[in-house]
C-alpha atoms as a PDB file:
ATOM      1  CA  GLY A   1     146.424 115.157  28.211  1.00  0.00           C
ATOM      2  CA  HIS A   2     142.968 113.616  28.695  1.00  0.00           C
ATOM      3  CA  GLY A   3     139.537 113.920  27.063  1.00  0.00           C
ATOM      4  CA  VAL A   4     139.075 116.933  24.771  1.00  0.00           C
ATOM      5  CA  SER A   5     141.895 118.809  26.519  1.00  0.00           C
ATOM      6  CA  GLU A   6     145.114 119.262  24.493  1.00  0.00           C
ATOM      7  CA  ASN A   7     148.341 117.592  25.624  1.00  0.00           C
ATOM      8  CA  ALA A   8     150.389 119.529  28.122  1.00  0.00           C
ATOM      9  CA  LYS A   9     152.928 121.968  26.678  1.00  0.00           C
ATOM     10  CA  LYS A  10     155.140 121.219  29.663  1.00  0.00           C
ATOM     11  CA  PRO A  11     154.358 117.615  30.501  1.00  0.00           C
ATOM     12  CA  ASP A  12     157.189 117.308  33.032  1.00  0.00           C
ATOM     13  CA  ILE A  13     155.538 120.026  35.143  1.00  0.00           C
ATOM     14  CA  THR A  14     151.809 119.767  34.405  1.00  0.00           C
ATOM     15  CA  TYR A  15     151.233 116.040  34.791  1.00  0.00           C
ATOM     16  CA  ASP A  16     151.322 116.051  38.587  1.00  0.00           C
ATOM     17  CA  ILE A  17     148.667 115.524  41.286  1.00  0.00           C
ATOM     18  CA  ALA A  18     149.563 118.806  42.903  1.00  0.00           C
ATOM     19  CA  VAL A  19     149.197 120.740  39.638  1.00  0.00           C
ATOM     20  CA  TYR A  20     145.816 118.968  38.930  1.00  0.00           C
ATOM     21  CA  ALA A  21     144.733 120.243  42.393  1.00  0.00           C
ATOM     22  CA  ASP A  22     145.911 123.750  41.399  1.00  0.00           C
ATOM     23  CA  ILE A  23     143.727 123.565  38.364  1.00  0.00           C
ATOM     24  CA  ALA A  24     140.717 122.589  40.467  1.00  0.00           C
ATOM     25  CA  GLU A  25     141.333 125.478  42.869  1.00  0.00           C
ATOM     26  CA  GLU A  26     141.465 127.829  39.853  1.00  0.00           C
ATOM     27  CA  ILE A  27     138.118 126.506  38.652  1.00  0.00           C
ATOM     28  CA  PHE A  28     136.514 127.067  42.133  1.00  0.00           C
ATOM     29  CA  LYS A  29     137.700 130.696  42.031  1.00  0.00           C
ATOM     30  CA  ILE A  30     136.545 131.323  38.457  1.00  0.00           C
ATOM     31  CA  LYS A  31     133.131 129.835  39.268  1.00  0.00           C
ATOM     32  CA  LYS A  32     133.078 131.605  42.707  1.00  0.00           C
ATOM     33  CA  ILE A  33     132.440 128.279  44.538  1.00  0.00           C
ATOM     34  CA  GLU A  34     133.488 128.946  48.068  1.00  0.00           C
ATOM     35  CA  ARG A  35     132.641 125.697  49.883  1.00  0.00           C
ATOM     36  CA  PRO A  36     132.428 122.874  47.314  1.00  0.00           C
ATOM     37  CA  VAL A  37     131.689 119.233  47.927  1.00  0.00           C
ATOM     38  CA  VAL A  38     134.492 117.405  46.083  1.00  0.00           C
ATOM     39  CA  PHE A  39     134.217 113.811  44.763  1.00  0.00           C
ATOM     40  CA  GLY A  40     137.255 112.104  43.347  1.00  0.00           C
ATOM     41  CA  TRP A  41     137.569 108.650  41.658  1.00  0.00           C
ATOM     42  CA  SER A  42     140.867 106.722  41.585  1.00  0.00           C
ATOM     43  CA  LEU A  43     143.578 109.230  40.672  1.00  0.00           C
ATOM     44  CA  GLY A  44     140.918 111.889  41.093  1.00  0.00           C
ATOM     45  CA  GLY A  45     140.577 110.733  44.621  1.00  0.00           C
ATOM     46  CA  TYR A  46     144.146 111.761  45.336  1.00  0.00           C
ATOM     47  CA  ILE A  47     143.453 115.117  43.805  1.00  0.00           C
ATOM     48  CA  ALA A  48     140.383 115.532  46.131  1.00  0.00           C
ATOM     49  CA  LEU A  49     142.535 114.502  49.157  1.00  0.00           C
ATOM     50  CA  GLU A  50     145.189 116.923  48.163  1.00  0.00           C
ATOM     51  CA  LEU A  51     142.602 119.747  48.047  1.00  0.00           C
ATOM     52  CA  ASN A  52     141.413 118.721  51.503  1.00  0.00           C
ATOM     53  CA  ALA A  53     144.937 118.544  52.875  1.00  0.00           C
ATOM     54  CA  ARG A  54     145.565 122.142  51.728  1.00  0.00           C
ATOM     55  CA  GLY A  55     142.903 123.353  54.106  1.00  0.00           C
ATOM     56  CA  LEU A  56     140.403 124.348  51.440  1.00  0.00           C
ATOM     57  CA  PRO A  57     137.014 125.080  53.086  1.00  0.00           C
ATOM     58  CA  LEU A  58     135.191 122.001  51.728  1.00  0.00           C
ATOM     59  CA  ALA A  59     131.626 121.357  52.657  1.00  0.00           C
ATOM     60  CA  GLY A  60     132.242 117.677  52.047  1.00  0.00           C
ATOM     61  CA  LEU A  61     134.685 115.149  50.559  1.00  0.00           C
ATOM     62  CA  ALA A  62     133.977 111.808  48.909  1.00  0.00           C
ATOM     63  CA  ILE A  63     136.309 109.314  47.225  1.00  0.00           C
ATOM     64  CA  CYS A  64     135.866 106.053  45.252  1.00  0.00           C
ATOM     65  CA  GLY A  65     138.630 103.481  44.354  1.00  0.00           C
ATOM     66  CA  THR A  66     141.252 105.483  46.164  1.00  0.00           C
ATOM     67  CA  PRO A  67     143.106 103.986  49.122  1.00  0.00           C
ATOM     68  CA  PRO A  68     144.413 106.970  51.290  1.00  0.00           C
ATOM     69  CA  LEU A  69     148.184 106.798  51.595  1.00  0.00           C
ATOM     70  CA  GLY A  70     150.466 107.917  54.447  1.00  0.00           C
ATOM     71  CA  HIS A  71     153.885 106.651  53.540  1.00  0.00           C
ATOM     72  CA  LEU A  72     155.344 105.370  50.253  1.00  0.00           C
ATOM     73  CA  PRO A  73     156.046 102.645  49.173  1.00  0.00           C
ATOM     74  CA  ASP A  74     154.690 100.693  52.102  1.00  0.00           C
ATOM     75  CA  ASP A  75     151.154 102.068  51.958  1.00  0.00           C
ATOM     76  CA  LEU A  76     151.110 101.838  48.184  1.00  0.00           C
ATOM     77  CA  ASP A  77     151.866  98.072  48.470  1.00  0.00           C
ATOM     78  CA  ALA A  78     149.353  97.697  51.276  1.00  0.00           C
ATOM     79  CA  GLY A  79     146.516  99.766  49.741  1.00  0.00           C
ATOM     80  CA  TYR A  80     146.486  98.075  46.347  1.00  0.00           C
ATOM     81  CA  GLN A  81     146.278  94.534  45.023  1.00  0.00           C
ATOM     82  CA  ALA A  82     149.205  93.375  42.987  1.00  0.00           C
ATOM     83  CA  ASN A  83     148.152  92.843  39.375  1.00  0.00           C
ATOM     84  CA  ASP A  84     149.163  93.691  35.843  1.00  0.00           C
ATOM     85  CA  HIS A  85     146.778  96.702  35.692  1.00  0.00           C
ATOM     86  CA  MET A  86     148.861  98.603  38.328  1.00  0.00           C
ATOM     87  CA  GLN A  87     152.057  98.023  36.289  1.00  0.00           C
ATOM     88  CA  LEU A  88     150.314  99.625  33.294  1.00  0.00           C
ATOM     89  CA  THR A  89     149.386 102.767  35.368  1.00  0.00           C
ATOM     90  CA  SER A  90     152.808 104.216  34.889  1.00  0.00           C
ATOM     91  CA  ARG A  91     153.579 102.913  31.396  1.00  0.00           C
ATOM     92  CA  LEU A  92     154.476 105.555  28.747  1.00  0.00           C
ATOM     93  CA  PHE A  93     153.246 103.549  25.818  1.00  0.00           C
ATOM     94  CA  PHE A  94     150.447 100.982  25.431  1.00  0.00           C
ATOM     95  CA  THR A  95     150.059  98.373  22.745  1.00  0.00           C
ATOM     96  CA  ALA A  96     146.534  98.038  21.307  1.00  0.00           C
ATOM     97  CA  GLU A  97     145.947  95.017  23.516  1.00  0.00           C
ATOM     98  CA  GLU A  98     147.224  96.677  26.626  1.00  0.00           C
ATOM     99  CA  THR A  99     144.944  99.608  25.962  1.00  0.00           C
ATOM    100  CA  ARG A 100     141.982  97.265  25.759  1.00  0.00           C
ATOM    101  CA  GLN A 101     143.029  95.421  28.863  1.00  0.00           C
ATOM    102  CA  TYR A 102     143.448  98.657  30.778  1.00  0.00           C
ATOM    103  CA  ALA A 103     140.111  99.917  29.797  1.00  0.00           C
ATOM    104  CA  VAL A 104     138.304  96.627  30.578  1.00  0.00           C
ATOM    105  CA  ALA A 105     139.970  96.388  33.945  1.00  0.00           C
ATOM    106  CA  THR A 106     139.071  99.884  34.806  1.00  0.00           C
ATOM    107  CA  VAL A 107     135.462 100.289  33.566  1.00  0.00           C
ATOM    108  CA  GLY A 108     134.458  96.957  32.137  1.00  0.00           C
ATOM    109  CA  PRO A 109     134.012  95.548  28.652  1.00  0.00           C
ATOM    110  CA  ALA A 110     133.205  97.891  25.783  1.00  0.00           C
ATOM    111  CA  ASN A 111     129.521  98.590  25.405  1.00  0.00           C
ATOM    112  CA  PRO A 112     127.372 101.703  24.700  1.00  0.00           C
ATOM    113  CA  GLU A 113     127.803 102.903  28.318  1.00  0.00           C
ATOM    114  CA  THR A 114     131.599 102.478  28.483  1.00  0.00           C
ATOM    115  CA  LYS A 115     132.560 103.232  24.847  1.00  0.00           C
ATOM    116  CA  PHE A 116     133.558 106.815  25.578  1.00  0.00           C
ATOM    117  CA  LEU A 117     135.895 105.781  28.361  1.00  0.00           C
ATOM    118  CA  HIS A 118     137.497 103.127  26.205  1.00  0.00           C
ATOM    119  CA  SER A 119     138.076 105.946  23.713  1.00  0.00           C
ATOM    120  CA  ALA A 120     139.502 108.065  26.534  1.00  0.00           C
ATOM    121  CA  VAL A 121     142.083 105.440  27.379  1.00  0.00           C
ATOM    122  CA  ARG A 122     143.255 105.337  23.722  1.00  0.00           C
ATOM    123  CA  ARG A 123     143.456 109.159  23.563  1.00  0.00           C
ATOM    124  CA  THR A 124     145.358 109.744  26.827  1.00  0.00           C
ATOM    125  CA  ASP A 125     148.796 111.231  26.516  1.00  0.00           C
ATOM    126  CA  GLY A 126     151.053 108.407  27.814  1.00  0.00           C
ATOM    127  CA  ARG A 127     153.365 111.018  29.291  1.00  0.00           C
ATOM    128  CA  SER A 128     150.698 111.904  31.795  1.00  0.00           C
ATOM    129  CA  ARG A 129     150.933 108.404  33.285  1.00  0.00           C
ATOM    130  CA  ALA A 130     154.713 108.306  33.276  1.00  0.00           C
ATOM    131  CA  PHE A 131     155.291 111.803  34.748  1.00  0.00           C
ATOM    132  CA  MET A 132     152.405 111.611  37.231  1.00  0.00           C
ATOM    133  CA  PHE A 133     153.715 108.369  38.644  1.00  0.00           C
ATOM    134  CA  THR A 134     157.228 109.695  39.105  1.00  0.00           C
ATOM    135  CA  LYS A 135     155.853 112.811  40.778  1.00  0.00           C
ATOM    136  CA  THR A 136     154.169 110.731  43.458  1.00  0.00           C
ATOM    137  CA  LEU A 137     157.447 110.979  45.401  1.00  0.00           C
ATOM    138  CA  THR A 138     156.937 114.724  45.735  1.00  0.00           C
ATOM    139  CA  ILE A 139     153.472 114.533  47.242  1.00  0.00           C
ATOM    140  CA  ASP A 140     153.074 115.123  51.001  1.00  0.00           C
ATOM    141  CA  TRP A 141     151.147 111.866  51.595  1.00  0.00           C
ATOM    142  CA  PRO A 142     151.418 111.965  55.461  1.00  0.00           C
ATOM    143  CA  ARG A 143     149.723 115.343  55.383  1.00  0.00           C
ATOM    144  CA  GLN A 144     146.868 113.874  53.311  1.00  0.00           C
ATOM    145  CA  LEU A 145     146.266 111.081  55.724  1.00  0.00           C
ATOM    146  CA  ARG A 146     146.818 113.225  58.798  1.00  0.00           C
ATOM    147  CA  THR A 147     144.199 115.724  57.624  1.00  0.00           C
ATOM    148  CA  LEU A 148     141.633 112.864  57.232  1.00  0.00           C
ATOM    149  CA  GLN A 149     142.468 111.723  60.774  1.00  0.00           C
ATOM    150  CA  THR A 150     142.277 115.090  62.495  1.00  0.00           C
ATOM    151  CA  GLU A 151     139.942 117.471  60.585  1.00  0.00           C
ATOM    152  CA  MET A 152     136.115 117.184  60.702  1.00  0.00           C
ATOM    153  CA  THR A 153     135.281 117.763  57.082  1.00  0.00           C
ATOM    154  CA  PRO A 154     132.468 115.311  56.307  1.00  0.00           C
ATOM    155  CA  PHE A 155     134.203 112.426  54.443  1.00  0.00           C
ATOM    156  CA  ALA A 156     132.613 109.549  52.530  1.00  0.00           C
ATOM    157  CA  ILE A 157     134.241 106.498  50.995  1.00  0.00           C
ATOM    158  CA  ILE A 158     132.050 104.690  48.462  1.00  0.00           C
ATOM    159  CA  ASN A 159     133.762 101.728  46.837  1.00  0.00           C
ATOM    160  CA  GLY A 160     132.788  99.027  44.435  1.00  0.00           C
ATOM    161  CA  GLU A 161     132.410  95.803  46.462  1.00  0.00           C
ATOM    162  CA  ASN A 162     134.476  93.898  43.873  1.00  0.00           C
ATOM    163  CA  ASP A 163     136.998  96.552  42.943  1.00  0.00           C
ATOM    164  CA  PRO A 164     139.955  94.381  41.681  1.00  0.00           C
ATOM    165  CA  PHE A 165     142.673  96.931  42.477  1.00  0.00           C
ATOM    166  CA  ILE A 166     142.179  98.261  45.983  1.00  0.00           C
ATOM    167  CA  ASN A 167     142.653  96.539  49.403  1.00  0.00           C
ATOM    168  CA  GLN A 168     139.308  96.966  51.123  1.00  0.00           C
ATOM    169  CA  THR A 169     140.775  95.761  54.446  1.00  0.00           C
ATOM    170  CA  TYR A 170     143.517  98.313  54.395  1.00  0.00           C
ATOM    171  CA  ILE A 171     141.124 101.125  53.669  1.00  0.00           C
ATOM    172  CA  ALA A 172     138.592 100.074  56.380  1.00  0.00           C
ATOM    173  CA  GLY A 173     141.374  99.698  58.890  1.00  0.00           C
ATOM    174  CA  LEU A 174     142.570 103.276  58.790  1.00  0.00           C
ATOM    175  CA  ALA A 175     141.426 105.827  61.372  1.00  0.00           C
ATOM    176  CA  TYR A 176     139.290 108.746  60.165  1.00  0.00           C
ATOM    177  CA  ALA A 177     138.044 111.835  62.069  1.00  0.00           C
ATOM    178  CA  ASN A 178     134.602 112.099  60.479  1.00  0.00           C
ATOM    179  CA  LEU A 179     133.890 109.109  58.250  1.00  0.00           C
ATOM    180  CA  TRP A 180     130.300 109.119  57.041  1.00  0.00           C
ATOM    181  CA  GLU A 181     128.230 106.679  59.151  1.00  0.00           C
ATOM    182  CA  ASN A 182     131.544 105.360  60.550  1.00  0.00           C
ATOM    183  CA  LYS A 183     132.006 102.887  57.752  1.00  0.00           C
ATOM    184  CA  VAL A 184     133.275 102.408  54.135  1.00  0.00           C
ATOM    185  CA  HIS A 185     130.202 102.081  51.929  1.00  0.00           C
ATOM    186  CA  LYS A 186     130.387  99.317  49.317  1.00  0.00           C
ATOM    187  CA  ILE A 187     128.305  99.115  46.149  1.00  0.00           C
ATOM    188  CA  GLU A 188     127.089  95.488  45.684  1.00  0.00           C
ATOM    189  CA  ASN A 189     128.740  93.799  42.703  1.00  0.00           C
ATOM    190  CA  GLY A 190     130.487  97.060  41.879  1.00  0.00           C
ATOM    191  CA  GLY A 191     133.892  97.143  40.269  1.00  0.00           C
ATOM    192  CA  HIS A 192     136.460  99.940  40.089  1.00  0.00           C
ATOM    193  CA  ALA A 193     133.827 102.363  38.596  1.00  0.00           C
ATOM    194  CA  PRO A 194     130.650 101.637  40.426  1.00  0.00           C
ATOM    195  CA  PHE A 195     129.244 105.141  39.628  1.00  0.00           C
ATOM    196  CA  LEU A 196     129.187 103.925  36.002  1.00  0.00           C
ATOM    197  CA  MET A 197     128.405 100.204  36.015  1.00  0.00           C
ATOM    198  CA  LYS A 198     126.088 100.325  39.087  1.00  0.00           C
ATOM    199  CA  TYR A 199     125.092 103.957  38.903  1.00  0.00           C
ATOM    200  CA  GLN A 200     121.556 103.310  40.221  1.00  0.00           C
ATOM    201  CA  LEU A 201     122.972 101.995  43.553  1.00  0.00           C
ATOM    202  CA  PHE A 202     125.869 104.374  43.671  1.00  0.00           C
ATOM    203  CA  ASN A 203     123.684 107.530  43.081  1.00  0.00           C
ATOM    204  CA  VAL A 204     121.516 106.610  45.992  1.00  0.00           C
ATOM    205  CA  GLU A 205     124.450 106.478  48.340  1.00  0.00           C
ATOM    206  CA  LEU A 206     126.039 109.618  47.029  1.00  0.00           C
ATOM    207  CA  ASP A 207     122.765 111.534  47.209  1.00  0.00           C
ATOM    208  CA  ARG A 208     122.321 110.455  50.818  1.00  0.00           C
ATOM    209  CA  PHE A 209     125.695 111.808  51.658  1.00  0.00           C
ATOM    210  CA  LEU A 210     125.151 115.119  49.834  1.00  0.00           C
ATOM    211  CA  ASN A 211     121.755 115.665  51.440  1.00  0.00           C
ATOM    212  CA  GLN A 212     123.223 115.064  54.942  1.00  0.00           C
ATOM    213  CA  VAL A 213     126.027 117.488  54.121  1.00  0.00           C
ATOM    214  CA  LYS A 214     123.512 120.072  52.942  1.00  0.00           C
ATOM    215  CA  GLU A 215     121.396 119.648  56.066  1.00  0.00           C
ATOM    216  CA  GLN A 216     124.581 119.738  58.225  1.00  0.00           C
ATOM    217  CA  ARG A 217     123.745 116.412  59.869  1.00  0.00           C
ATOM    218  CA  ILE A 218     127.305 115.127  59.625  1.00  0.00           C
END
């Protein structure tokens, strides 16, 4: 239901964080990747956290724009800022103006660098938003958070300093077993997608994390 993929034939089953994680696991097996480093952004961050919670042998884990959750709905309210964008996240249909607003809020104004993501928002199967959001009640969120707090997989959080959707204080206030350099890394003047809008700064931080994982210094 996204990008160049066709829409799901069984949307009520397929549009689900757990199923997205199943697909990622299948790709690892096909590609014979035994100890991947997984990076997830926003919704993708929860897919990454789900893979970690399943006990996959990850070499490293990094997320961006994704507040880890332990209990719904309290942590959902605490981890995110209340705004119109969050209401759109579960909306089945967008008007043309809502599509534009959603894209701008997520990745910034349309320009040559963000044009393809603005197109992706227009293309997305709205059922993926609606079903995915309802399926959040079936995810074992306590397991995701507990794994971060007890397992020693190298774990990095790299957020945009000015991400308008997440609660930075909530994220920094959680306990983690092996948080990279014992802090949440923030990209200066970065929004929700700092790897796109501030990629020069973001890539430096992600490369540092990957190199330390490779050298087993974490």
